[in-house]
Protein backbone atom coordinates (compact mmCIF):
# COMPACT_ATOMS: atom_id res chain seq x y z
CA MET A 1 65.84 -98.62 16.47
CA GLN A 2 64.94 -96.38 13.54
CA THR A 3 64.40 -98.68 10.55
CA ARG A 4 64.13 -95.78 8.08
CA PRO A 5 67.01 -93.47 9.03
CA PHE A 6 66.71 -90.98 6.12
CA THR A 7 64.04 -88.32 6.54
CA TYR A 8 63.12 -85.58 4.06
CA LEU A 9 60.84 -82.59 4.58
CA PHE A 10 58.84 -81.80 1.43
CA SER A 11 56.86 -78.72 0.46
CA ILE A 12 53.68 -79.35 -1.53
CA GLN A 13 50.84 -77.58 -3.35
CA TYR A 14 47.51 -79.09 -4.32
CA LEU A 15 43.98 -78.27 -5.40
CA GLY A 16 41.65 -80.11 -3.06
CA LEU A 17 38.55 -80.19 -5.28
CA ARG A 18 38.83 -83.85 -6.37
CA TYR A 19 40.17 -85.23 -3.09
CA HIS A 20 38.63 -86.40 0.17
CA GLY A 21 41.21 -84.57 2.24
CA TRP A 22 44.81 -85.38 3.07
CA GLN A 23 44.61 -88.61 5.06
CA ARG A 24 44.61 -91.98 3.33
CA GLN A 25 41.16 -93.62 3.35
CA GLU A 26 39.94 -96.84 1.81
CA GLY A 27 37.80 -96.46 -1.28
CA VAL A 28 38.24 -92.71 -1.83
CA LYS A 29 40.89 -90.52 -3.45
CA THR A 30 43.08 -88.58 -1.00
CA ILE A 31 46.28 -86.55 -1.26
CA GLN A 32 48.29 -88.95 0.90
CA GLY A 33 47.02 -91.98 -0.97
CA THR A 34 47.86 -90.41 -4.33
CA LEU A 35 51.38 -89.52 -3.16
CA GLU A 36 51.97 -93.05 -1.88
CA ARG A 37 50.93 -94.62 -5.19
CA ASN A 38 53.17 -92.19 -7.05
CA PHE A 39 56.16 -92.79 -4.78
CA ARG A 40 55.82 -96.56 -5.09
CA HIS A 41 56.21 -96.10 -8.83
CA VAL A 42 59.10 -93.62 -8.64
CA LEU A 43 61.06 -95.47 -5.92
CA GLY A 44 60.26 -98.95 -7.20
CA HIS A 45 59.38 -100.26 -3.73
CA THR A 46 57.00 -99.77 -0.80
CA ASP A 47 59.53 -99.44 2.04
CA PHE A 48 58.76 -95.83 2.95
CA ASN A 49 56.35 -93.84 5.08
CA ILE A 50 54.68 -90.42 4.73
CA LEU A 51 53.58 -88.14 7.56
CA GLY A 52 51.77 -84.86 6.86
CA ALA A 53 51.97 -81.63 8.84
CA SER A 54 48.26 -80.91 8.46
CA ARG A 55 45.33 -83.18 7.61
CA THR A 56 43.25 -80.90 5.43
CA ASP A 57 39.54 -81.67 4.95
CA SER A 58 37.81 -82.85 1.81
CA GLY A 59 37.86 -80.10 -0.82
CA VAL A 60 40.42 -77.92 0.98
CA SER A 61 43.43 -76.76 -1.05
CA CYS A 62 47.03 -76.00 -0.15
CA LEU A 63 49.59 -73.44 -1.35
CA PHE A 64 52.58 -74.34 0.83
CA GLY A 65 52.01 -77.47 2.88
CA ALA A 66 54.53 -79.95 4.20
CA PHE A 67 55.06 -83.66 4.75
CA GLU A 68 57.89 -85.98 5.79
CA LEU A 69 59.13 -88.91 3.73
CA PHE A 70 60.93 -91.66 5.69
CA LEU A 71 63.29 -93.93 3.74
CA LYS A 72 65.97 -96.58 4.27
CA GLU A 73 68.20 -95.07 1.62
CA GLN A 74 69.17 -91.61 0.46
CA ILE A 75 67.61 -90.05 -2.62
CA ALA A 76 68.74 -87.42 -5.11
CA ILE A 77 66.18 -84.76 -4.20
CA THR A 78 66.03 -82.87 -7.51
CA THR A 79 65.79 -86.06 -9.57
CA PHE A 80 63.12 -87.49 -7.27
CA ILE A 81 60.96 -84.32 -7.38
CA GLN A 82 61.18 -84.13 -11.17
CA ALA A 83 60.17 -87.77 -11.56
CA ALA A 84 57.34 -87.49 -9.02
CA ASN A 85 55.91 -84.33 -10.58
CA GLU A 86 55.93 -85.88 -14.04
CA ASN A 87 53.78 -88.75 -12.76
CA LEU A 88 51.55 -86.94 -10.25
CA PRO A 89 48.14 -85.58 -11.35
CA SER A 90 48.21 -81.97 -12.53
CA ASP A 91 46.46 -80.77 -9.35
CA ILE A 92 49.34 -81.87 -7.07
CA ARG A 93 52.85 -80.43 -7.23
CA LEU A 94 55.96 -81.00 -5.11
CA LEU A 95 57.90 -77.76 -4.61
CA ASP A 96 61.14 -78.68 -2.87
CA ALA A 97 62.62 -80.89 -0.17
CA LYS A 98 65.49 -81.07 2.28
CA PRO A 99 66.94 -83.65 4.67
CA VAL A 100 65.96 -83.22 8.32
CA PRO A 101 67.51 -84.83 11.43
CA PRO A 102 65.85 -87.78 13.20
CA GLU A 103 64.74 -85.59 16.11
CA PHE A 104 62.66 -83.35 13.81
CA ASN A 105 58.92 -83.81 14.46
CA ILE A 106 56.58 -82.47 11.78
CA ILE A 107 53.69 -82.25 14.25
CA GLN A 108 55.37 -80.95 17.40
CA ASP A 109 57.86 -78.63 15.66
CA VAL A 110 55.19 -76.51 13.97
CA VAL A 111 55.50 -72.83 14.97
CA ALA A 112 52.46 -71.60 13.06
CA LYS A 113 49.92 -72.50 10.40
CA GLN A 114 48.36 -69.86 8.19
CA TYR A 115 45.05 -70.35 6.41
CA GLY A 116 43.29 -68.11 3.94
CA TYR A 117 39.56 -68.33 3.33
CA TYR A 118 38.99 -66.88 -0.16
CA PHE A 119 35.57 -65.50 -1.05
CA ALA A 120 33.89 -63.30 -3.63
CA ILE A 121 31.09 -60.79 -3.08
CA GLY A 122 28.88 -58.87 -5.48
CA GLU A 123 28.44 -60.39 -8.92
CA LYS A 124 28.86 -64.15 -8.87
CA PRO A 125 32.29 -65.10 -10.32
CA HIS A 126 32.86 -67.38 -13.28
CA PRO A 127 32.18 -71.06 -12.43
CA PHE A 128 35.76 -71.95 -13.34
CA HIS A 129 36.88 -70.18 -10.15
CA SER A 130 34.64 -72.26 -7.90
CA SER A 131 37.29 -74.92 -7.28
CA ALA A 132 39.07 -72.74 -4.69
CA LEU A 133 36.84 -69.71 -4.19
CA ALA A 134 33.62 -69.40 -2.17
CA TYR A 135 30.79 -67.07 -3.12
CA ALA A 136 29.55 -65.13 -0.09
CA GLY A 137 26.64 -63.26 -1.69
CA GLN A 138 25.60 -60.05 -3.38
CA ASN A 139 25.56 -57.49 -0.58
CA LEU A 140 27.73 -57.84 2.53
CA ASN A 141 28.90 -55.24 5.01
CA LEU A 142 32.62 -55.75 4.56
CA GLU A 143 33.63 -53.24 7.24
CA GLN A 144 31.50 -55.08 9.80
CA MET A 145 33.14 -58.36 8.77
CA LYS A 146 36.60 -56.82 9.18
CA ALA A 147 35.69 -55.71 12.69
CA GLY A 148 34.44 -59.22 13.46
CA ALA A 149 37.65 -60.85 12.21
CA LEU A 150 39.67 -58.76 14.67
CA LEU A 151 37.65 -60.21 17.57
CA PHE A 152 39.15 -63.65 16.91
CA LYS A 153 42.71 -62.46 17.55
CA GLY A 154 44.26 -63.52 20.84
CA GLU A 155 43.58 -66.44 23.17
CA HIS A 156 40.01 -67.72 23.14
CA ASP A 157 37.92 -70.79 23.82
CA PHE A 158 36.72 -71.80 20.33
CA ARG A 159 34.37 -74.62 21.36
CA ARG A 160 31.48 -72.93 19.52
CA PHE A 161 33.56 -72.48 16.38
CA CYS A 162 34.58 -76.06 15.72
CA THR A 163 33.25 -79.56 15.15
CA GLN A 164 33.77 -81.34 18.44
CA GLY A 165 35.15 -84.86 18.37
CA LYS A 166 34.69 -87.39 21.15
CA GLN A 167 38.24 -86.83 22.39
CA THR A 168 38.14 -83.03 22.24
CA ASP A 169 38.43 -81.40 25.64
CA ASP A 170 40.81 -78.47 25.06
CA PHE A 171 39.21 -75.74 22.94
CA VAL A 172 41.60 -72.90 23.76
CA ARG A 173 43.70 -71.68 20.85
CA ILE A 174 45.92 -68.62 20.38
CA ILE A 175 45.33 -66.69 17.16
CA SER A 176 48.21 -64.41 16.19
CA LYS A 177 46.71 -63.05 12.97
CA SER A 178 43.06 -62.55 11.96
CA HIS A 179 41.95 -60.04 9.35
CA ILE A 180 40.12 -59.60 6.05
CA ALA A 181 41.87 -57.99 3.10
CA ALA A 182 41.29 -57.45 -0.57
CA LEU A 183 43.03 -60.03 -2.70
CA SER A 184 46.51 -58.87 -3.66
CA THR A 185 48.08 -59.46 -7.06
CA GLU A 186 50.27 -62.26 -5.69
CA HIS A 187 47.87 -64.94 -6.94
CA ALA A 188 46.94 -64.23 -10.54
CA PHE A 189 44.70 -67.30 -10.82
CA TRP A 190 41.84 -65.59 -8.91
CA PRO A 191 39.63 -62.75 -10.26
CA ASP A 192 41.11 -59.27 -10.00
CA ARG A 193 38.20 -57.57 -8.20
CA ASP A 194 35.52 -58.23 -5.55
CA VAL A 195 37.59 -61.06 -4.09
CA PHE A 196 38.77 -61.05 -0.49
CA VAL A 197 40.63 -63.31 1.90
CA PHE A 198 39.99 -63.95 5.57
CA ARG A 199 43.52 -64.71 6.71
CA ILE A 200 44.22 -66.35 10.04
CA GLU A 201 47.33 -67.70 11.73
CA GLY A 202 47.86 -69.76 14.87
CA ASP A 203 49.92 -72.61 16.25
CA GLY A 204 47.03 -75.04 15.72
CA PHE A 205 43.34 -75.26 14.87
CA LEU A 206 40.36 -77.38 15.84
CA MET A 207 38.31 -79.42 13.37
CA HIS A 208 36.45 -77.13 10.93
CA GLN A 209 37.44 -74.11 13.06
CA VAL A 210 38.40 -71.74 10.23
CA ARG A 211 35.35 -72.68 8.14
CA ARG A 212 32.99 -71.97 11.05
CA MET A 213 34.75 -68.70 11.79
CA ALA A 214 34.37 -67.68 8.14
CA ALA A 215 30.67 -68.64 8.20
CA ALA A 216 30.16 -66.45 11.29
CA LEU A 217 31.76 -63.51 9.47
CA PHE A 218 29.44 -64.02 6.50
CA MET A 219 26.46 -63.96 8.89
CA LEU A 220 27.83 -60.75 10.36
CA GLY A 221 28.17 -59.23 6.89
CA ARG A 222 24.53 -60.10 6.14
CA SER A 223 23.38 -58.56 9.48
CA GLU A 224 22.14 -61.95 10.69
CA ILE A 225 24.22 -61.53 13.86
CA SER A 226 25.91 -58.59 15.59
CA LEU A 227 29.44 -58.00 16.84
CA GLU A 228 28.10 -58.49 20.36
CA ASP A 229 26.70 -61.90 19.36
CA LEU A 230 30.17 -62.84 18.17
CA ARG A 231 31.79 -61.65 21.40
CA GLN A 232 29.32 -63.63 23.48
CA ALA A 233 29.93 -66.78 21.43
CA LEU A 234 33.68 -66.49 22.11
CA ASN A 235 32.95 -66.27 25.85
CA SER A 236 30.32 -69.02 25.90
CA HIS A 237 30.84 -72.54 27.22
CA GLU A 238 27.86 -73.96 25.36
CA ARG A 239 28.83 -77.01 23.32
CA HIS A 240 26.68 -76.67 20.21
CA PRO A 241 28.25 -74.85 17.21
CA PHE A 242 27.50 -71.17 16.83
CA CYS A 243 27.02 -71.49 13.07
CA ALA A 244 27.29 -73.85 10.11
CA LYS A 245 30.53 -74.46 8.20
CA ALA A 246 31.45 -72.27 5.24
CA PRO A 247 32.06 -74.25 2.00
CA ALA A 248 35.29 -76.23 1.96
CA GLN A 249 36.51 -74.96 -1.40
CA GLY A 250 37.20 -71.44 -0.07
CA LEU A 251 39.74 -72.70 2.44
CA VAL A 252 43.45 -72.82 1.56
CA LEU A 253 46.33 -73.88 3.78
CA GLU A 254 48.77 -71.12 2.87
CA GLU A 255 51.82 -71.86 4.97
CA VAL A 256 53.26 -74.13 7.65
CA ARG A 257 56.29 -72.82 9.58
CA PHE A 258 58.63 -74.88 11.76
CA HIS A 259 61.15 -74.20 14.52
């Protein structure tokens, strides 16, 4: 029997710089742990549970993420969000929430996740931007990188573009969107020139997959590998990673969509 019959789906934003990822861990600051401490204060009790849609890594940020809050009693959503935001650190913000039925599953009902890997080229940007922007270097062949990003689209075995866990045996993922574009004016908090985003969308991703894909594109832009090298890596069944991980701070979970 469901002991917490009231379920709410929340939207959330956060800057990941000061946090060791989403998932609660003993002895370190995480997004989930910070939310739980805040909610204990706002609700006045500990009889609740939180389940996130995506367990972002240490240093990774989020524009429109999601989590479920399970409760025994109903809440006034607007009042709760206002109280939580007043007490949360300035680098975490709740956006909105809505009730969802008991059969809703925040993991299984995901249609797509969209990530953006934000990076600057040319002159190194101001250090204040480094919290959510990677620096890729002075001279990169952007057109070559754009061609490489298109190779990731479709169904591929990404075993060479992830960090393989002991239980990982299915490396096939379907990528519905993969391209590099100049930063639009939608996000005024990044510099207005020489900043780009590697944007990718799929129904799920492997550990460190997007960061390794971004690192491969940087290598391509520096002529350290060729487009053919990238093609071969996508068709390879070797188990060792094709490249290192790009820095965590460039990665942003931009959107999670549900059925």
